[in-house]
mmCIF file of all heavy atoms, coordinates in Angstrom:
data_MODEL
# 
_entry.id   MODEL 
# 
loop_
_atom_site.group_PDB 
_atom_site.id 
_atom_site.type_symbol 
_atom_site.label_atom_id 
_atom_site.label_alt_id 
_atom_site.label_comp_id 
_atom_site.label_asym_id 
_atom_site.label_entity_id 
_atom_site.label_seq_id 
_atom_site.pdbx_PDB_ins_code 
_atom_site.Cartn_x 
_atom_site.Cartn_y 
_atom_site.Cartn_z 
_atom_site.occupancy 
_atom_site.B_iso_or_equiv 
_atom_site.pdbx_formal_charge 
_atom_site.auth_seq_id 
_atom_site.auth_comp_id 
_atom_site.auth_asym_id 
_atom_site.auth_atom_id 
_atom_site.pdbx_PDB_model_num 
ATOM 1   N N   . PRO A 1 1  ? 128.431 72.032 145.625 1.00 0.00 ? 1  PRO A N   1 
ATOM 2   C CA  . PRO A 1 1  ? 127.164 72.441 145.000 1.00 0.00 ? 1  PRO A CA  1 
ATOM 3   C C   . PRO A 1 1  ? 127.302 73.697 144.140 1.00 0.00 ? 1  PRO A C   1 
ATOM 4   O O   . PRO A 1 1  ? 126.846 74.786 144.485 1.00 0.00 ? 1  PRO A O   1 
ATOM 5   C CB  . PRO A 1 1  ? 126.262 72.698 146.216 1.00 0.00 ? 1  PRO A CB  1 
ATOM 6   C CG  . PRO A 1 1  ? 127.203 73.123 147.287 1.00 0.00 ? 1  PRO A CG  1 
ATOM 7   C CD  . PRO A 1 1  ? 128.472 72.366 147.057 1.00 0.00 ? 1  PRO A CD  1 
ATOM 8   N N   . GLY A 1 2  ? 127.949 73.522 142.997 1.00 0.00 ? 2  GLY A N   1 
ATOM 9   C CA  . GLY A 1 2  ? 128.142 74.637 142.074 1.00 0.00 ? 2  GLY A CA  1 
ATOM 10  C C   . GLY A 1 2  ? 129.003 74.200 140.907 1.00 0.00 ? 2  GLY A C   1 
ATOM 11  O O   . GLY A 1 2  ? 129.542 73.093 140.899 1.00 0.00 ? 2  GLY A O   1 
ATOM 12  N N   . PRO A 1 3  ? 129.157 75.071 139.902 1.00 0.00 ? 3  PRO A N   1 
ATOM 13  C CA  . PRO A 1 3  ? 129.986 74.731 138.741 1.00 0.00 ? 3  PRO A CA  1 
ATOM 14  C C   . PRO A 1 3  ? 131.457 74.636 139.119 1.00 0.00 ? 3  PRO A C   1 
ATOM 15  O O   . PRO A 1 3  ? 131.954 75.442 139.912 1.00 0.00 ? 3  PRO A O   1 
ATOM 16  C CB  . PRO A 1 3  ? 129.747 75.883 137.758 1.00 0.00 ? 3  PRO A CB  1 
ATOM 17  C CG  . PRO A 1 3  ? 128.619 76.683 138.311 1.00 0.00 ? 3  PRO A CG  1 
ATOM 18  C CD  . PRO A 1 3  ? 128.545 76.403 139.766 1.00 0.00 ? 3  PRO A CD  1 
ATOM 19  N N   . VAL A 1 4  ? 132.144 73.643 138.552 1.00 0.00 ? 4  VAL A N   1 
ATOM 20  C CA  . VAL A 1 4  ? 133.572 73.445 138.821 1.00 0.00 ? 4  VAL A CA  1 
ATOM 21  C C   . VAL A 1 4  ? 134.283 73.175 137.501 1.00 0.00 ? 4  VAL A C   1 
ATOM 22  O O   . VAL A 1 4  ? 133.855 72.324 136.725 1.00 0.00 ? 4  VAL A O   1 
ATOM 23  C CB  . VAL A 1 4  ? 133.809 72.252 139.775 1.00 0.00 ? 4  VAL A CB  1 
ATOM 24  C CG1 . VAL A 1 4  ? 135.296 72.095 140.076 1.00 0.00 ? 4  VAL A CG1 1 
ATOM 25  C CG2 . VAL A 1 4  ? 133.024 72.413 141.071 1.00 0.00 ? 4  VAL A CG2 1 
ATOM 26  N N   . LYS A 1 5  ? 135.374 73.888 137.259 1.00 0.00 ? 5  LYS A N   1 
ATOM 27  C CA  . LYS A 1 5  ? 136.159 73.648 136.047 1.00 0.00 ? 5  LYS A CA  1 
ATOM 28  C C   . LYS A 1 5  ? 137.035 72.411 136.229 1.00 0.00 ? 5  LYS A C   1 
ATOM 29  O O   . LYS A 1 5  ? 137.230 71.923 137.338 1.00 0.00 ? 5  LYS A O   1 
ATOM 30  C CB  . LYS A 1 5  ? 137.001 74.883 135.715 1.00 0.00 ? 5  LYS A CB  1 
ATOM 31  C CG  . LYS A 1 5  ? 136.160 76.090 135.312 1.00 0.00 ? 5  LYS A CG  1 
ATOM 32  C CD  . LYS A 1 5  ? 137.027 77.215 134.771 1.00 0.00 ? 5  LYS A CD  1 
ATOM 33  C CE  . LYS A 1 5  ? 136.154 78.354 134.271 1.00 0.00 ? 5  LYS A CE  1 
ATOM 34  N NZ  . LYS A 1 5  ? 136.973 79.446 133.665 1.00 0.00 ? 5  LYS A NZ  1 
ATOM 35  N N   . GLU A 1 6  ? 137.584 71.943 135.109 1.00 0.00 ? 6  GLU A N   1 
ATOM 36  C CA  . GLU A 1 6  ? 138.330 70.683 135.126 1.00 0.00 ? 6  GLU A CA  1 
ATOM 37  C C   . GLU A 1 6  ? 139.538 70.725 136.053 1.00 0.00 ? 6  GLU A C   1 
ATOM 38  O O   . GLU A 1 6  ? 139.928 69.714 136.620 1.00 0.00 ? 6  GLU A O   1 
ATOM 39  C CB  . GLU A 1 6  ? 138.774 70.332 133.703 1.00 0.00 ? 6  GLU A CB  1 
ATOM 40  C CG  . GLU A 1 6  ? 139.245 68.902 133.559 1.00 0.00 ? 6  GLU A CG  1 
ATOM 41  C CD  . GLU A 1 6  ? 139.454 68.493 132.113 1.00 0.00 ? 6  GLU A CD  1 
ATOM 42  O OE1 . GLU A 1 6  ? 138.939 69.174 131.212 1.00 0.00 ? 6  GLU A OE1 1 
ATOM 43  O OE2 . GLU A 1 6  ? 140.126 67.473 131.903 1.00 0.00 ? 6  GLU A OE2 1 
ATOM 44  N N   . ASP A 1 7  ? 140.123 71.910 136.239 1.00 0.00 ? 7  ASP A N   1 
ATOM 45  C CA  . ASP A 1 7  ? 141.308 72.009 137.097 1.00 0.00 ? 7  ASP A CA  1 
ATOM 46  C C   . ASP A 1 7  ? 140.966 72.149 138.576 1.00 0.00 ? 7  ASP A C   1 
ATOM 47  O O   . ASP A 1 7  ? 141.862 72.315 139.413 1.00 0.00 ? 7  ASP A O   1 
ATOM 48  C CB  . ASP A 1 7  ? 142.181 73.189 136.651 1.00 0.00 ? 7  ASP A CB  1 
ATOM 49  C CG  . ASP A 1 7  ? 141.506 74.543 136.882 1.00 0.00 ? 7  ASP A CG  1 
ATOM 50  O OD1 . ASP A 1 7  ? 140.312 74.573 137.239 1.00 0.00 ? 7  ASP A OD1 1 
ATOM 51  O OD2 . ASP A 1 7  ? 142.189 75.579 136.706 1.00 0.00 ? 7  ASP A OD2 1 
ATOM 52  N N   . GLY A 1 8  ? 139.659 72.066 138.916 1.00 0.00 ? 8  GLY A N   1 
ATOM 53  C CA  . GLY A 1 8  ? 139.257 72.158 140.318 1.00 0.00 ? 8  GLY A CA  1 
ATOM 54  C C   . GLY A 1 8  ? 138.868 73.553 140.759 1.00 0.00 ? 8  GLY A C   1 
ATOM 55  O O   . GLY A 1 8  ? 138.621 73.786 141.948 1.00 0.00 ? 8  GLY A O   1 
ATOM 56  N N   . THR A 1 9  ? 138.801 74.487 139.807 1.00 0.00 ? 9  THR A N   1 
ATOM 57  C CA  . THR A 1 9  ? 138.379 75.841 140.145 1.00 0.00 ? 9  THR A CA  1 
ATOM 58  C C   . THR A 1 9  ? 136.869 75.913 140.321 1.00 0.00 ? 9  THR A C   1 
ATOM 59  O O   . THR A 1 9  ? 136.111 75.544 139.410 1.00 0.00 ? 9  THR A O   1 
ATOM 60  C CB  . THR A 1 9  ? 138.807 76.845 139.045 1.00 0.00 ? 9  THR A CB  1 
ATOM 61  O OG1 . THR A 1 9  ? 140.225 76.857 138.952 1.00 0.00 ? 9  THR A OG1 1 
ATOM 62  C CG2 . THR A 1 9  ? 138.311 78.251 139.372 1.00 0.00 ? 9  THR A CG2 1 
ATOM 63  N N   . VAL A 1 10 ? 136.429 76.343 141.477 1.00 0.00 ? 10 VAL A N   1 
ATOM 64  C CA  . VAL A 1 10 ? 135.012 76.524 141.771 1.00 0.00 ? 10 VAL A CA  1 
ATOM 65  C C   . VAL A 1 10 ? 134.572 77.872 141.211 1.00 0.00 ? 10 VAL A C   1 
ATOM 66  O O   . VAL A 1 10 ? 135.227 78.892 141.450 1.00 0.00 ? 10 VAL A O   1 
ATOM 67  C CB  . VAL A 1 10 ? 134.776 76.477 143.295 1.00 0.00 ? 10 VAL A CB  1 
ATOM 68  C CG1 . VAL A 1 10 ? 133.335 76.826 143.630 1.00 0.00 ? 10 VAL A CG1 1 
ATOM 69  C CG2 . VAL A 1 10 ? 135.131 75.110 143.855 1.00 0.00 ? 10 VAL A CG2 1 
ATOM 70  N N   . VAL A 1 11 ? 133.456 77.862 140.448 1.00 0.00 ? 11 VAL A N   1 
ATOM 71  C CA  . VAL A 1 11 ? 132.955 79.099 139.846 1.00 0.00 ? 11 VAL A CA  1 
ATOM 72  C C   . VAL A 1 11 ? 131.734 79.561 140.635 1.00 0.00 ? 11 VAL A C   1 
ATOM 73  O O   . VAL A 1 11 ? 130.606 79.524 140.184 1.00 0.00 ? 11 VAL A O   1 
ATOM 74  C CB  . VAL A 1 11 ? 132.608 78.894 138.360 1.00 0.00 ? 11 VAL A CB  1 
ATOM 75  C CG1 . VAL A 1 11 ? 132.320 80.239 137.692 1.00 0.00 ? 11 VAL A CG1 1 
ATOM 76  C CG2 . VAL A 1 11 ? 133.749 78.190 137.634 1.00 0.00 ? 11 VAL A CG2 1 
ATOM 77  N N   . LYS A 1 12 ? 131.962 79.941 141.866 1.00 0.00 ? 12 LYS A N   1 
ATOM 78  C CA  . LYS A 1 12 ? 130.950 80.399 142.817 1.00 0.00 ? 12 LYS A CA  1 
ATOM 79  C C   . LYS A 1 12 ? 130.050 79.266 143.312 1.00 0.00 ? 12 LYS A C   1 
ATOM 80  O O   . LYS A 1 12 ? 129.466 78.539 142.529 1.00 0.00 ? 12 LYS A O   1 
ATOM 81  C CB  . LYS A 1 12 ? 130.078 81.520 142.240 1.00 0.00 ? 12 LYS A CB  1 
ATOM 82  C CG  . LYS A 1 12 ? 130.820 82.824 142.036 1.00 0.00 ? 12 LYS A CG  1 
ATOM 83  C CD  . LYS A 1 12 ? 129.865 83.943 141.649 1.00 0.00 ? 12 LYS A CD  1 
ATOM 84  C CE  . LYS A 1 12 ? 130.624 85.237 141.429 1.00 0.00 ? 12 LYS A CE  1 
ATOM 85  N NZ  . LYS A 1 12 ? 129.735 86.353 141.053 1.00 0.00 ? 12 LYS A NZ  1 
ATOM 86  N N   . CYS A 1 13 ? 129.945 79.135 144.610 1.00 0.00 ? 13 CYS A N   1 
ATOM 87  C CA  . CYS A 1 13 ? 128.989 78.254 145.283 1.00 0.00 ? 13 CYS A CA  1 
ATOM 88  C C   . CYS A 1 13 ? 128.204 79.139 146.235 1.00 0.00 ? 13 CYS A C   1 
ATOM 89  O O   . CYS A 1 13 ? 128.629 79.381 147.374 1.00 0.00 ? 13 CYS A O   1 
ATOM 90  C CB  . CYS A 1 13 ? 129.695 77.151 146.057 1.00 0.00 ? 13 CYS A CB  1 
ATOM 91  S SG  . CYS A 1 13 ? 130.458 75.916 145.018 1.00 0.00 ? 13 CYS A SG  1 
ATOM 92  N N   . VAL A 1 14 ? 127.063 79.612 145.768 1.00 0.00 ? 14 VAL A N   1 
ATOM 93  C CA  . VAL A 1 14 ? 126.287 80.592 146.529 1.00 0.00 ? 14 VAL A CA  1 
ATOM 94  C C   . VAL A 1 14 ? 125.896 80.046 147.897 1.00 0.00 ? 14 VAL A C   1 
ATOM 95  O O   . VAL A 1 14 ? 125.979 80.744 148.912 1.00 0.00 ? 14 VAL A O   1 
ATOM 96  C CB  . VAL A 1 14 ? 125.034 81.018 145.731 1.00 0.00 ? 14 VAL A CB  1 
ATOM 97  C CG1 . VAL A 1 14 ? 124.199 82.007 146.531 1.00 0.00 ? 14 VAL A CG1 1 
ATOM 98  C CG2 . VAL A 1 14 ? 125.444 81.637 144.403 1.00 0.00 ? 14 VAL A CG2 1 
ATOM 99  N N   . ASN A 1 15 ? 125.484 78.776 147.952 1.00 0.00 ? 15 ASN A N   1 
ATOM 100 C CA  . ASN A 1 15 ? 125.025 78.183 149.216 1.00 0.00 ? 15 ASN A CA  1 
ATOM 101 C C   . ASN A 1 15 ? 126.134 78.076 150.257 1.00 0.00 ? 15 ASN A C   1 
ATOM 102 O O   . ASN A 1 15 ? 125.857 77.988 151.457 1.00 0.00 ? 15 ASN A O   1 
ATOM 103 C CB  . ASN A 1 15 ? 124.432 76.793 148.976 1.00 0.00 ? 15 ASN A CB  1 
ATOM 104 C CG  . ASN A 1 15 ? 123.138 76.847 148.191 1.00 0.00 ? 15 ASN A CG  1 
ATOM 105 O OD1 . ASN A 1 15 ? 122.542 77.908 148.072 1.00 0.00 ? 15 ASN A OD1 1 
ATOM 106 N ND2 . ASN A 1 15 ? 122.725 75.716 147.650 1.00 0.00 ? 15 ASN A ND2 1 
ATOM 107 N N   . LEU A 1 16 ? 127.380 78.063 149.794 1.00 0.00 ? 16 LEU A N   1 
ATOM 108 C CA  . LEU A 1 16 ? 128.508 77.937 150.719 1.00 0.00 ? 16 LEU A CA  1 
ATOM 109 C C   . LEU A 1 16 ? 129.161 79.284 151.010 1.00 0.00 ? 16 LEU A C   1 
ATOM 110 O O   . LEU A 1 16 ? 129.985 79.388 151.921 1.00 0.00 ? 16 LEU A O   1 
ATOM 111 C CB  . LEU A 1 16 ? 129.563 76.980 150.144 1.00 0.00 ? 16 LEU A CB  1 
ATOM 112 C CG  . LEU A 1 16 ? 129.099 75.566 149.784 1.00 0.00 ? 16 LEU A CG  1 
ATOM 113 C CD1 . LEU A 1 16 ? 130.282 74.748 149.269 1.00 0.00 ? 16 LEU A CD1 1 
ATOM 114 C CD2 . LEU A 1 16 ? 128.438 74.868 150.969 1.00 0.00 ? 16 LEU A CD2 1 
ATOM 115 N N   . GLY A 1 17 ? 128.823 80.287 150.219 1.00 0.00 ? 17 GLY A N   1 
ATOM 116 C CA  . GLY A 1 17 ? 129.451 81.592 150.371 1.00 0.00 ? 17 GLY A CA  1 
ATOM 117 C C   . GLY A 1 17 ? 130.755 81.718 149.620 1.00 0.00 ? 17 GLY A C   1 
ATOM 118 O O   . GLY A 1 17 ? 131.499 82.689 149.789 1.00 0.00 ? 17 GLY A O   1 
ATOM 119 N N   . TRP A 1 18 ? 131.068 80.718 148.760 1.00 0.00 ? 18 TRP A N   1 
ATOM 120 C CA  . TRP A 1 18 ? 132.334 80.719 148.034 1.00 0.00 ? 18 TRP A CA  1 
ATOM 121 C C   . TRP A 1 18 ? 132.262 81.560 146.772 1.00 0.00 ? 18 TRP A C   1 
ATOM 122 O O   . TRP A 1 18 ? 131.245 81.579 146.072 1.00 0.00 ? 18 TRP A O   1 
ATOM 123 C CB  . TRP A 1 18 ? 132.715 79.294 147.643 1.00 0.00 ? 18 TRP A CB  1 
ATOM 124 C CG  . TRP A 1 18 ? 133.221 78.453 148.770 1.00 0.00 ? 18 TRP A CG  1 
ATOM 125 C CD1 . TRP A 1 18 ? 133.444 78.852 150.053 1.00 0.00 ? 18 TRP A CD1 1 
ATOM 126 C CD2 . TRP A 1 18 ? 133.568 77.069 148.709 1.00 0.00 ? 18 TRP A CD2 1 
ATOM 127 N NE1 . TRP A 1 18 ? 133.913 77.794 150.803 1.00 0.00 ? 18 TRP A NE1 1 
ATOM 128 C CE2 . TRP A 1 18 ? 133.997 76.685 150.001 1.00 0.00 ? 18 TRP A CE2 1 
ATOM 129 C CE3 . TRP A 1 18 ? 133.563 76.115 147.700 1.00 0.00 ? 18 TRP A CE3 1 
ATOM 130 C CZ2 . TRP A 1 18 ? 134.406 75.397 150.300 1.00 0.00 ? 18 TRP A CZ2 1 
ATOM 131 C CZ3 . TRP A 1 18 ? 133.978 74.828 147.990 1.00 0.00 ? 18 TRP A CZ3 1 
ATOM 132 C CH2 . TRP A 1 18 ? 134.402 74.472 149.289 1.00 0.00 ? 18 TRP A CH2 1 
ATOM 133 N N   . GLY A 1 19 ? 133.362 82.210 146.460 1.00 0.00 ? 19 GLY A N   1 
ATOM 134 C CA  . GLY A 1 19 ? 133.506 82.907 145.186 1.00 0.00 ? 19 GLY A CA  1 
ATOM 135 C C   . GLY A 1 19 ? 134.227 82.011 144.192 1.00 0.00 ? 19 GLY A C   1 
ATOM 136 O O   . GLY A 1 19 ? 133.962 80.809 144.118 1.00 0.00 ? 19 GLY A O   1 
ATOM 137 N N   . VAL A 1 20 ? 135.181 82.569 143.452 1.00 0.00 ? 20 VAL A N   1 
ATOM 138 C CA  . VAL A 1 20 ? 135.948 81.814 142.465 1.00 0.00 ? 20 VAL A CA  1 
ATOM 139 C C   . VAL A 1 20 ? 137.339 81.534 143.020 1.00 0.00 ? 20 VAL A C   1 
ATOM 140 O O   . VAL A 1 20 ? 138.093 82.460 143.336 1.00 0.00 ? 20 VAL A O   1 
ATOM 141 C CB  . VAL A 1 20 ? 136.054 82.603 141.138 1.00 0.00 ? 20 VAL A CB  1 
ATOM 142 C CG1 . VAL A 1 20 ? 136.865 81.814 140.117 1.00 0.00 ? 20 VAL A CG1 1 
ATOM 143 C CG2 . VAL A 1 20 ? 134.673 82.927 140.589 1.00 0.00 ? 20 VAL A CG2 1 
ATOM 144 N N   . PHE A 1 21 ? 137.672 80.249 143.181 1.00 0.00 ? 21 PHE A N   1 
ATOM 145 C CA  . PHE A 1 21 ? 139.019 79.872 143.633 1.00 0.00 ? 21 PHE A CA  1 
ATOM 146 C C   . PHE A 1 21 ? 139.240 78.401 143.337 1.00 0.00 ? 21 PHE A C   1 
ATOM 147 O O   . PHE A 1 21 ? 138.300 77.651 143.070 1.00 0.00 ? 21 PHE A O   1 
ATOM 148 C CB  . PHE A 1 21 ? 139.198 80.144 145.137 1.00 0.00 ? 21 PHE A CB  1 
ATOM 149 C CG  . PHE A 1 21 ? 138.482 79.169 146.036 1.00 0.00 ? 21 PHE A CG  1 
ATOM 150 C CD1 . PHE A 1 21 ? 139.184 78.197 146.740 1.00 0.00 ? 21 PHE A CD1 1 
ATOM 151 C CD2 . PHE A 1 21 ? 137.098 79.224 146.188 1.00 0.00 ? 21 PHE A CD2 1 
ATOM 152 C CE1 . PHE A 1 21 ? 138.522 77.301 147.579 1.00 0.00 ? 21 PHE A CE1 1 
ATOM 153 C CE2 . PHE A 1 21 ? 136.431 78.332 147.028 1.00 0.00 ? 21 PHE A CE2 1 
ATOM 154 C CZ  . PHE A 1 21 ? 137.153 77.370 147.723 1.00 0.00 ? 21 PHE A CZ  1 
ATOM 155 N N   . ASN A 1 22 ? 140.485 77.975 143.376 1.00 0.00 ? 22 ASN A N   1 
ATOM 156 C CA  . ASN A 1 22 ? 140.815 76.582 143.079 1.00 0.00 ? 22 ASN A CA  1 
ATOM 157 C C   . ASN A 1 22 ? 140.751 75.754 144.367 1.00 0.00 ? 22 ASN A C   1 
ATOM 158 O O   . ASN A 1 22 ? 141.689 75.738 145.158 1.00 0.00 ? 22 ASN A O   1 
ATOM 159 C CB  . ASN A 1 22 ? 142.188 76.465 142.428 1.00 0.00 ? 22 ASN A CB  1 
ATOM 160 C CG  . ASN A 1 22 ? 142.400 75.085 141.816 1.00 0.00 ? 22 ASN A CG  1 
ATOM 161 O OD1 . ASN A 1 22 ? 142.229 74.078 142.487 1.00 0.00 ? 22 ASN A OD1 1 
ATOM 162 N ND2 . ASN A 1 22 ? 142.750 75.062 140.539 1.00 0.00 ? 22 ASN A ND2 1 
ATOM 163 N N   . ALA A 1 23 ? 139.615 75.074 144.549 1.00 0.00 ? 23 ALA A N   1 
ATOM 164 C CA  . ALA A 1 23 ? 139.389 74.291 145.773 1.00 0.00 ? 23 ALA A CA  1 
ATOM 165 C C   . ALA A 1 23 ? 140.275 73.052 145.814 1.00 0.00 ? 23 ALA A C   1 
ATOM 166 O O   . ALA A 1 23 ? 140.664 72.591 146.896 1.00 0.00 ? 23 ALA A O   1 
ATOM 167 C CB  . ALA A 1 23 ? 137.918 73.897 145.872 1.00 0.00 ? 23 ALA A CB  1 
ATOM 168 N N   . ALA A 1 24 ? 140.598 72.492 144.646 1.00 0.00 ? 24 ALA A N   1 
ATOM 169 C CA  . ALA A 1 24 ? 141.452 71.299 144.604 1.00 0.00 ? 24 ALA A CA  1 
ATOM 170 C C   . ALA A 1 24 ? 142.853 71.634 145.108 1.00 0.00 ? 24 ALA A C   1 
ATOM 171 O O   . ALA A 1 24 ? 143.437 70.898 145.910 1.00 0.00 ? 24 ALA A O   1 
ATOM 172 C CB  . ALA A 1 24 ? 141.504 70.739 143.183 1.00 0.00 ? 24 ALA A CB  1 
# 
């Protein structure tokens, strides 16, 4: 639930507490 770049990098998921990192 948040913006994701083509390489799988999550650009913050506030609802999950995630910052910026490559989730893939």
